[in-house]
Amino acid sequence: MDPNSFDIHRRIDRHLAFGRGPNLRLGASLAGMEGRVVLGELLRRWTDRDIDCEATVLDHTSTPRGWKHLPVVAS
């Protein structure tokens, strides 16, 4: 890879906005907490929807945990 060139077809495997490993940014924890609050509020207010628990896929990382797939269905 050439870091000094722009390649529109470049494959990006991981999102690096908050860094990785020893360069993990402090805002990563805040962003995770905000995401949990937003998801909780959406689910609380959106009463005619439910999560398809059998089709969810947990994202296993060394950083804050989350979901790879979290399907929402009409109830």
PDB file of N, CA and C in Angstrom:
ATOM      1  N   MET A   1       0.834  -1.191   0.000  1.00  0.00           N
ATOM      2  CA  MET A   1       0.000   0.000   0.000  1.00  0.00           C
ATOM      3  C   MET A   1       0.868   1.241   0.000  1.00  0.00           C
ATOM      4  N   ASP A   2       0.371   2.248  -0.654  1.00  0.00           N
ATOM      5  CA  ASP A   2       1.070   3.525  -0.696  1.00  0.00           C
ATOM      6  C   ASP A   2       0.229   4.546   0.082  1.00  0.00           C
ATOM      7  N   PRO A   3       0.636   4.916   1.299  1.00  0.00           N
ATOM      8  CA  PRO A   3      -0.173   5.807   2.124  1.00  0.00           C
ATOM      9  C   PRO A   3      -0.277   7.222   1.565  1.00  0.00           C
ATOM     10  N   ASN A   4       0.561   7.569   0.607  1.00  0.00           N
ATOM     11  CA  ASN A   4       0.556   8.920   0.056  1.00  0.00           C
ATOM     12  C   ASN A   4      -0.292   9.051  -1.208  1.00  0.00           C
ATOM     13  N   SER A   5      -0.964   7.981  -1.610  1.00  0.00           N
ATOM     14  CA  SER A   5      -1.797   8.063  -2.812  1.00  0.00           C
ATOM     15  C   SER A   5      -3.256   7.765  -2.462  1.00  0.00           C
ATOM     16  N   PHE A   6      -4.165   8.355  -3.241  1.00  0.00           N
ATOM     17  CA  PHE A   6      -5.593   8.158  -3.045  1.00  0.00           C
ATOM     18  C   PHE A   6      -6.056   7.027  -3.952  1.00  0.00           C
ATOM     19  N   ASP A   7      -6.652   5.992  -3.356  1.00  0.00           N
ATOM     20  CA  ASP A   7      -7.147   4.852  -4.121  1.00  0.00           C
ATOM     21  C   ASP A   7      -8.606   4.635  -3.744  1.00  0.00           C
ATOM     22  N   ILE A   8      -9.530   5.015  -4.643  1.00  0.00           N
ATOM     23  CA  ILE A   8     -10.960   4.929  -4.341  1.00  0.00           C
ATOM     24  C   ILE A   8     -11.419   3.479  -4.165  1.00  0.00           C
ATOM     25  N   HIS A   9     -10.671   2.524  -4.682  1.00  0.00           N
ATOM     26  CA  HIS A   9     -11.035   1.106  -4.586  1.00  0.00           C
ATOM     27  C   HIS A   9     -10.326   0.396  -3.426  1.00  0.00           C
ATOM     28  N   ARG A  10      -9.645   1.143  -2.585  1.00  0.00           N
ATOM     29  CA  ARG A  10      -8.911   0.575  -1.457  1.00  0.00           C
ATOM     30  C   ARG A  10      -9.877  -0.130  -0.504  1.00  0.00           C
ATOM     31  N   ARG A  11      -9.463  -1.275  -0.019  1.00  0.00           N
ATOM     32  CA  ARG A  11     -10.278  -2.027   0.946  1.00  0.00           C
ATOM     33  C   ARG A  11      -9.926  -1.543   2.350  1.00  0.00           C
ATOM     34  N   ILE A  12     -10.945  -1.141   3.100  1.00  0.00           N
ATOM     35  CA  ILE A  12     -10.746  -0.694   4.477  1.00  0.00           C
ATOM     36  C   ILE A  12     -11.353  -1.760   5.384  1.00  0.00           C
ATOM     37  N   ASP A  13     -10.514  -2.449   6.148  1.00  0.00           N
ATOM     38  CA  ASP A  13     -10.983  -3.546   6.980  1.00  0.00           C
ATOM     39  C   ASP A  13     -11.554  -3.091   8.319  1.00  0.00           C
ATOM     40  N   ARG A  14     -11.015  -2.016   8.846  1.00  0.00           N
ATOM     41  CA  ARG A  14     -11.465  -1.550  10.164  1.00  0.00           C
ATOM     42  C   ARG A  14     -11.562  -0.040  10.180  1.00  0.00           C
ATOM     43  N   HIS A  15     -12.514   0.470  10.965  1.00  0.00           N
ATOM     44  CA  HIS A  15     -12.688   1.901  11.127  1.00  0.00           C
ATOM     45  C   HIS A  15     -11.633   2.397  12.116  1.00  0.00           C
ATOM     46  N   LEU A  16     -10.890   3.419  11.770  1.00  0.00           N
ATOM     47  CA  LEU A  16      -9.782   3.874  12.608  1.00  0.00           C
ATOM     48  C   LEU A  16      -9.999   5.259  13.215  1.00  0.00           C
ATOM     49  N   ALA A  17     -11.232   5.736  13.281  1.00  0.00           N
ATOM     50  CA  ALA A  17     -11.480   7.092  13.767  1.00  0.00           C
ATOM     51  C   ALA A  17     -10.928   7.315  15.176  1.00  0.00           C
ATOM     52  N   PHE A  18     -10.978   6.312  16.029  1.00  0.00           N
ATOM     53  CA  PHE A  18     -10.501   6.465  17.401  1.00  0.00           C
ATOM     54  C   PHE A  18      -9.165   5.768  17.635  1.00  0.00           C
ATOM     55  N   GLY A  19      -8.522   5.284  16.589  1.00  0.00           N
ATOM     56  CA  GLY A  19      -7.247   4.608  16.738  1.00  0.00           C
ATOM     57  C   GLY A  19      -7.418   3.155  17.137  1.00  0.00           C
ATOM     58  N   ARG A  20      -6.295   2.473  17.323  1.00  0.00           N
ATOM     59  CA  ARG A  20      -6.302   1.063  17.726  1.00  0.00           C
ATOM     60  C   ARG A  20      -5.137   0.812  18.674  1.00  0.00           C
ATOM     61  N   GLY A  21      -5.234  -0.237  19.456  1.00  0.00           N
ATOM     62  CA  GLY A  21      -4.139  -0.633  20.334  1.00  0.00           C
ATOM     63  C   GLY A  21      -3.735   0.472  21.291  1.00  0.00           C
ATOM     64  N   PRO A  22      -2.439   0.761  21.397  1.00  0.00           N
ATOM     65  CA  PRO A  22      -1.985   1.784  22.339  1.00  0.00           C
ATOM     66  C   PRO A  22      -2.402   3.194  21.933  1.00  0.00           C
ATOM     67  N   ASN A  23      -2.898   3.366  20.710  1.00  0.00           N
ATOM     68  CA  ASN A  23      -3.315   4.686  20.242  1.00  0.00           C
ATOM     69  C   ASN A  23      -4.816   4.900  20.343  1.00  0.00           C
ATOM     70  N   LEU A  24      -5.515   4.038  21.078  1.00  0.00           N
ATOM     71  CA  LEU A  24      -6.958   4.160  21.243  1.00  0.00           C
ATOM     72  C   LEU A  24      -7.287   5.495  21.903  1.00  0.00           C
ATOM     73  N   ARG A  25      -8.188   6.240  21.311  1.00  0.00           N
ATOM     74  CA  ARG A  25      -8.522   7.573  21.806  1.00  0.00           C
ATOM     75  C   ARG A  25      -9.529   7.524  22.952  1.00  0.00           C
ATOM     76  N   LEU A  26      -9.451   8.520  23.810  1.00  0.00           N
ATOM     77  CA  LEU A  26     -10.350   8.588  24.959  1.00  0.00           C
ATOM     78  C   LEU A  26     -11.808   8.716  24.546  1.00  0.00           C
ATOM     79  N   GLY A  27     -12.075   9.329  23.393  1.00  0.00           N
ATOM     80  CA  GLY A  27     -13.446   9.517  22.936  1.00  0.00           C
ATOM     81  C   GLY A  27     -14.132   8.229  22.533  1.00  0.00           C
ATOM     82  N   ALA A  28     -13.381   7.142  22.361  1.00  0.00           N
ATOM     83  CA  ALA A  28     -13.989   5.870  21.954  1.00  0.00           C
ATOM     84  C   ALA A  28     -14.989   5.386  23.000  1.00  0.00           C
ATOM     85  N   SER A  29     -14.661   5.504  24.268  1.00  0.00           N
ATOM     86  CA  SER A  29     -15.576   5.070  25.336  1.00  0.00           C
ATOM     87  C   SER A  29     -16.821   5.949  25.372  1.00  0.00           C
ATOM     88  N   LEU A  30     -16.642   7.248  25.193  1.00  0.00           N
ATOM     89  CA  LEU A  30     -17.784   8.164  25.179  1.00  0.00           C
ATOM     90  C   LEU A  30     -18.703   7.858  23.997  1.00  0.00           C
ATOM     91  N   ALA A  31     -18.127   7.608  22.832  1.00  0.00           N
ATOM     92  CA  ALA A  31     -18.935   7.281  21.652  1.00  0.00           C
ATOM     93  C   ALA A  31     -19.713   5.987  21.868  1.00  0.00           C
ATOM     94  N   GLY A  32     -19.090   4.998  22.509  1.00  0.00           N
ATOM     95  CA  GLY A  32     -19.790   3.746  22.805  1.00  0.00           C
ATOM     96  C   GLY A  32     -20.955   3.959  23.749  1.00  0.00           C
ATOM     97  N   MET A  33     -20.742   4.779  24.781  1.00  0.00           N
ATOM     98  CA  MET A  33     -21.807   5.074  25.729  1.00  0.00           C
ATOM     99  C   MET A  33     -22.948   5.820  25.037  1.00  0.00           C
ATOM    100  N   GLU A  34     -22.615   6.794  24.182  1.00  0.00           N
ATOM    101  CA  GLU A  34     -23.647   7.538  23.466  1.00  0.00           C
ATOM    102  C   GLU A  34     -24.457   6.602  22.565  1.00  0.00           C
ATOM    103  N   GLY A  35     -23.783   5.664  21.923  1.00  0.00           N
ATOM    104  CA  GLY A  35     -24.475   4.701  21.070  1.00  0.00           C
ATOM    105  C   GLY A  35     -25.454   3.853  21.851  1.00  0.00           C
ATOM    106  N   ARG A  36     -25.050   3.404  23.046  1.00  0.00           N
ATOM    107  CA  ARG A  36     -25.952   2.606  23.887  1.00  0.00           C
ATOM    108  C   ARG A  36     -27.172   3.418  24.315  1.00  0.00           C
ATOM    109  N   VAL A  37     -26.958   4.689  24.660  1.00  0.00           N
ATOM    110  CA  VAL A  37     -28.071   5.546  25.079  1.00  0.00           C
ATOM    111  C   VAL A  37     -29.038   5.766  23.919  1.00  0.00           C
ATOM    112  N   VAL A  38     -28.502   6.068  22.737  1.00  0.00           N
ATOM    113  CA  VAL A  38     -29.351   6.309  21.566  1.00  0.00           C
ATOM    114  C   VAL A  38     -30.138   5.057  21.205  1.00  0.00           C
ATOM    115  N   LEU A  39     -29.481   3.908  21.164  1.00  0.00           N
ATOM    116  CA  LEU A  39     -30.177   2.663  20.832  1.00  0.00           C
ATOM    117  C   LEU A  39     -31.260   2.357  21.857  1.00  0.00           C
ATOM    118  N   GLY A  40     -30.953   2.552  23.130  1.00  0.00           N
ATOM    119  CA  GLY A  40     -31.942   2.318  24.179  1.00  0.00           C
ATOM    120  C   GLY A  40     -33.157   3.213  24.036  1.00  0.00           C
ATOM    121  N   GLU A  41     -32.937   4.498  23.731  1.00  0.00           N
ATOM    122  CA  GLU A  41     -34.050   5.434  23.546  1.00  0.00           C
ATOM    123  C   GLU A  41     -34.875   5.080  22.317  1.00  0.00           C
ATOM    124  N   LEU A  42     -34.211   4.713  21.226  1.00  0.00           N
ATOM    125  CA  LEU A  42     -34.941   4.320  20.020  1.00  0.00           C
ATOM    126  C   LEU A  42     -35.838   3.116  20.291  1.00  0.00           C
ATOM    127  N   LEU A  43     -35.294   2.123  20.957  1.00  0.00           N
ATOM    128  CA  LEU A  43     -36.075   0.920  21.238  1.00  0.00           C
ATOM    129  C   LEU A  43     -37.203   1.192  22.232  1.00  0.00           C
ATOM    130  N   ARG A  44     -36.965   2.098  23.171  1.00  0.00           N
ATOM    131  CA  ARG A  44     -38.001   2.440  24.147  1.00  0.00           C
ATOM    132  C   ARG A  44     -39.165   3.174  23.474  1.00  0.00           C
ATOM    133  N   ARG A  45     -38.855   4.053  22.536  1.00  0.00           N
ATOM    134  CA  ARG A  45     -39.890   4.858  21.874  1.00  0.00           C
ATOM    135  C   ARG A  45     -40.541   4.141  20.699  1.00  0.00           C
ATOM    136  N   TRP A  46     -39.834   3.203  20.107  1.00  0.00           N
ATOM    137  CA  TRP A  46     -40.294   2.497  18.906  1.00  0.00           C
ATOM    138  C   TRP A  46     -40.900   1.175  19.328  1.00  0.00           C
ATOM    139  N   THR A  47     -42.087   1.223  19.906  1.00  0.00           N
ATOM    140  CA  THR A  47     -42.668   0.042  20.558  1.00  0.00           C
ATOM    141  C   THR A  47     -43.190  -1.009  19.591  1.00  0.00           C
ATOM    142  N   ASP A  48     -43.385  -0.661  18.326  1.00  0.00           N
ATOM    143  CA  ASP A  48     -43.881  -1.654  17.373  1.00  0.00           C
ATOM    144  C   ASP A  48     -42.741  -2.370  16.651  1.00  0.00           C
ATOM    145  N   ARG A  49     -41.542  -2.278  17.168  1.00  0.00           N
ATOM    146  CA  ARG A  49     -40.364  -2.940  16.603  1.00  0.00           C
ATOM    147  C   ARG A  49     -39.712  -3.799  17.685  1.00  0.00           C
ATOM    148  N   ASP A  50     -38.956  -4.805  17.241  1.00  0.00           N
ATOM    149  CA  ASP A  50     -38.265  -5.684  18.182  1.00  0.00           C
ATOM    150  C   ASP A  50     -36.949  -6.115  17.540  1.00  0.00           C
ATOM    151  N   ILE A  51     -36.044  -6.627  18.348  1.00  0.00           N
ATOM    152  CA  ILE A  51     -34.758  -7.123  17.849  1.00  0.00           C
ATOM    153  C   ILE A  51     -34.881  -8.617  17.571  1.00  0.00           C
ATOM    154  N   ASP A  52     -34.411  -9.039  16.412  1.00  0.00           N
ATOM    155  CA  ASP A  52     -34.373 -10.460  16.063  1.00  0.00           C
ATOM    156  C   ASP A  52     -33.134 -11.060  16.741  1.00  0.00           C
ATOM    157  N   CYS A  53     -33.300 -11.511  17.984  1.00  0.00           N
ATOM    158  CA  CYS A  53     -32.172 -11.978  18.802  1.00  0.00           C
ATOM    159  C   CYS A  53     -31.431 -13.158  18.184  1.00  0.00           C
ATOM    160  N   GLU A  54     -32.128 -14.017  17.461  1.00  0.00           N
ATOM    161  CA  GLU A  54     -31.480 -15.189  16.868  1.00  0.00           C
ATOM    162  C   GLU A  54     -30.567 -14.816  15.705  1.00  0.00           C
ATOM    163  N   ALA A  55     -30.808 -13.661  15.075  1.00  0.00           N
ATOM    164  CA  ALA A  55     -30.007 -13.256  13.912  1.00  0.00           C
ATOM    165  C   ALA A  55     -28.927 -12.228  14.259  1.00  0.00           C
ATOM    166  N   THR A  56     -28.806 -11.868  15.543  1.00  0.00           N
ATOM    167  CA  THR A  56     -27.772 -10.897  15.919  1.00  0.00           C
ATOM    168  C   THR A  56     -26.394 -11.546  15.885  1.00  0.00           C
ATOM    169  N   VAL A  57     -25.383 -10.735  15.581  1.00  0.00           N
ATOM    170  CA  VAL A  57     -23.996 -11.206  15.554  1.00  0.00           C
ATOM    171  C   VAL A  57     -23.156 -10.212  16.345  1.00  0.00           C
ATOM    172  N   LEU A  58     -22.534 -10.693  17.415  1.00  0.00           N
ATOM    173  CA  LEU A  58     -21.688  -9.857  18.250  1.00  0.00           C
ATOM    174  C   LEU A  58     -20.335  -9.674  17.583  1.00  0.00           C
ATOM    175  N   ASP A  59     -19.807  -8.452  17.614  1.00  0.00           N
ATOM    176  CA  ASP A  59     -18.500  -8.154  17.040  1.00  0.00           C
ATOM    177  C   ASP A  59     -17.453  -8.356  18.137  1.00  0.00           C
ATOM    178  N   HIS A  60     -16.583  -9.340  17.986  1.00  0.00           N
ATOM    179  CA  HIS A  60     -15.569  -9.638  18.985  1.00  0.00           C
ATOM    180  C   HIS A  60     -14.304  -8.845  18.669  1.00  0.00           C
ATOM    181  N   THR A  61     -14.041  -7.823  19.482  1.00  0.00           N
ATOM    182  CA  THR A  61     -12.847  -6.992  19.304  1.00  0.00           C
ATOM    183  C   THR A  61     -12.190  -6.789  20.659  1.00  0.00           C
ATOM    184  N   SER A  62     -11.016  -6.218  20.645  1.00  0.00           N
ATOM    185  CA  SER A  62     -10.338  -5.917  21.906  1.00  0.00           C
ATOM    186  C   SER A  62     -10.726  -4.528  22.410  1.00  0.00           C
ATOM    187  N   THR A  63     -11.457  -3.774  21.608  1.00  0.00           N
ATOM    188  CA  THR A  63     -11.922  -2.439  21.981  1.00  0.00           C
ATOM    189  C   THR A  63     -13.379  -2.533  22.428  1.00  0.00           C
ATOM    190  N   PRO A  64     -14.053  -1.414  22.676  1.00  0.00           N
ATOM    191  CA  PRO A  64     -15.449  -1.508  23.126  1.00  0.00           C
ATOM    192  C   PRO A  64     -16.283  -2.423  22.233  1.00  0.00           C
ATOM    193  N   ARG A  65     -17.051  -3.297  22.870  1.00  0.00           N
ATOM    194  CA  ARG A  65     -17.807  -4.309  22.136  1.00  0.00           C
ATOM    195  C   ARG A  65     -19.064  -3.725  21.519  1.00  0.00           C
ATOM    196  N   GLY A  66     -19.507  -4.372  20.449  1.00  0.00           N
ATOM    197  CA  GLY A  66     -20.723  -3.944  19.776  1.00  0.00           C
ATOM    198  C   GLY A  66     -21.259  -5.063  18.910  1.00  0.00           C
ATOM    199  N   TRP A  67     -22.171  -4.728  18.045  1.00  0.00           N
ATOM    200  CA  TRP A  67     -22.831  -5.702  17.193  1.00  0.00           C
ATOM    201  C   TRP A  67     -22.388  -5.542  15.752  1.00  0.00           C
ATOM    202  N   LYS A  68     -22.104  -6.667  15.092  1.00  0.00           N
ATOM    203  CA  LYS A  68     -21.870  -6.640  13.646  1.00  0.00           C
ATOM    204  C   LYS A  68     -23.205  -6.547  12.938  1.00  0.00           C
ATOM    205  N   HIS A  69     -24.194  -7.314  13.424  1.00  0.00           N
ATOM    206  CA  HIS A  69     -25.536  -7.313  12.865  1.00  0.00           C
ATOM    207  C   HIS A  69     -26.536  -7.260  14.013  1.00  0.00           C
ATOM    208  N   LEU A  70     -27.446  -6.302  13.968  1.00  0.00           N
ATOM    209  CA  LEU A  70     -28.490  -6.173  14.984  1.00  0.00           C
ATOM    210  C   LEU A  70     -29.817  -5.881  14.266  1.00  0.00           C
ATOM    211  N   PRO A  71     -30.429  -6.935  13.697  1.00  0.00           N
ATOM    212  CA  PRO A  71     -31.638  -6.741  12.904  1.00  0.00           C
ATOM    213  C   PRO A  71     -32.848  -6.341  13.755  1.00  0.00           C
ATOM    214  N   VAL A  72     -33.569  -5.345  13.271  1.00  0.00           N
ATOM    215  CA  VAL A  72     -34.783  -4.880  13.927  1.00  0.00           C
ATOM    216  C   VAL A  72     -35.959  -5.256  13.038  1.00  0.00           C
ATOM    217  N   VAL A  73     -36.977  -5.861  13.630  1.00  0.00           N
ATOM    218  CA  VAL A  73     -38.144  -6.329  12.877  1.00  0.00           C
ATOM    219  C   VAL A  73     -39.421  -5.755  13.462  1.00  0.00           C
ATOM    220  N   ALA A  74     -40.466  -5.707  12.641  1.00  0.00           N
ATOM    221  CA  ALA A  74     -41.775  -5.267  13.126  1.00  0.00           C
ATOM    222  C   ALA A  74     -42.367  -6.353  14.024  1.00  0.00           C
ATOM    223  N   SER A  75     -42.974  -5.940  15.136  1.00  0.00           N
ATOM    224  CA  SER A  75     -43.543  -6.941  16.052  1.00  0.00           C
ATOM    225  C   SER A  75     -45.031  -7.056  15.893  1.00  0.00           C
TER     226      SER A  75
END
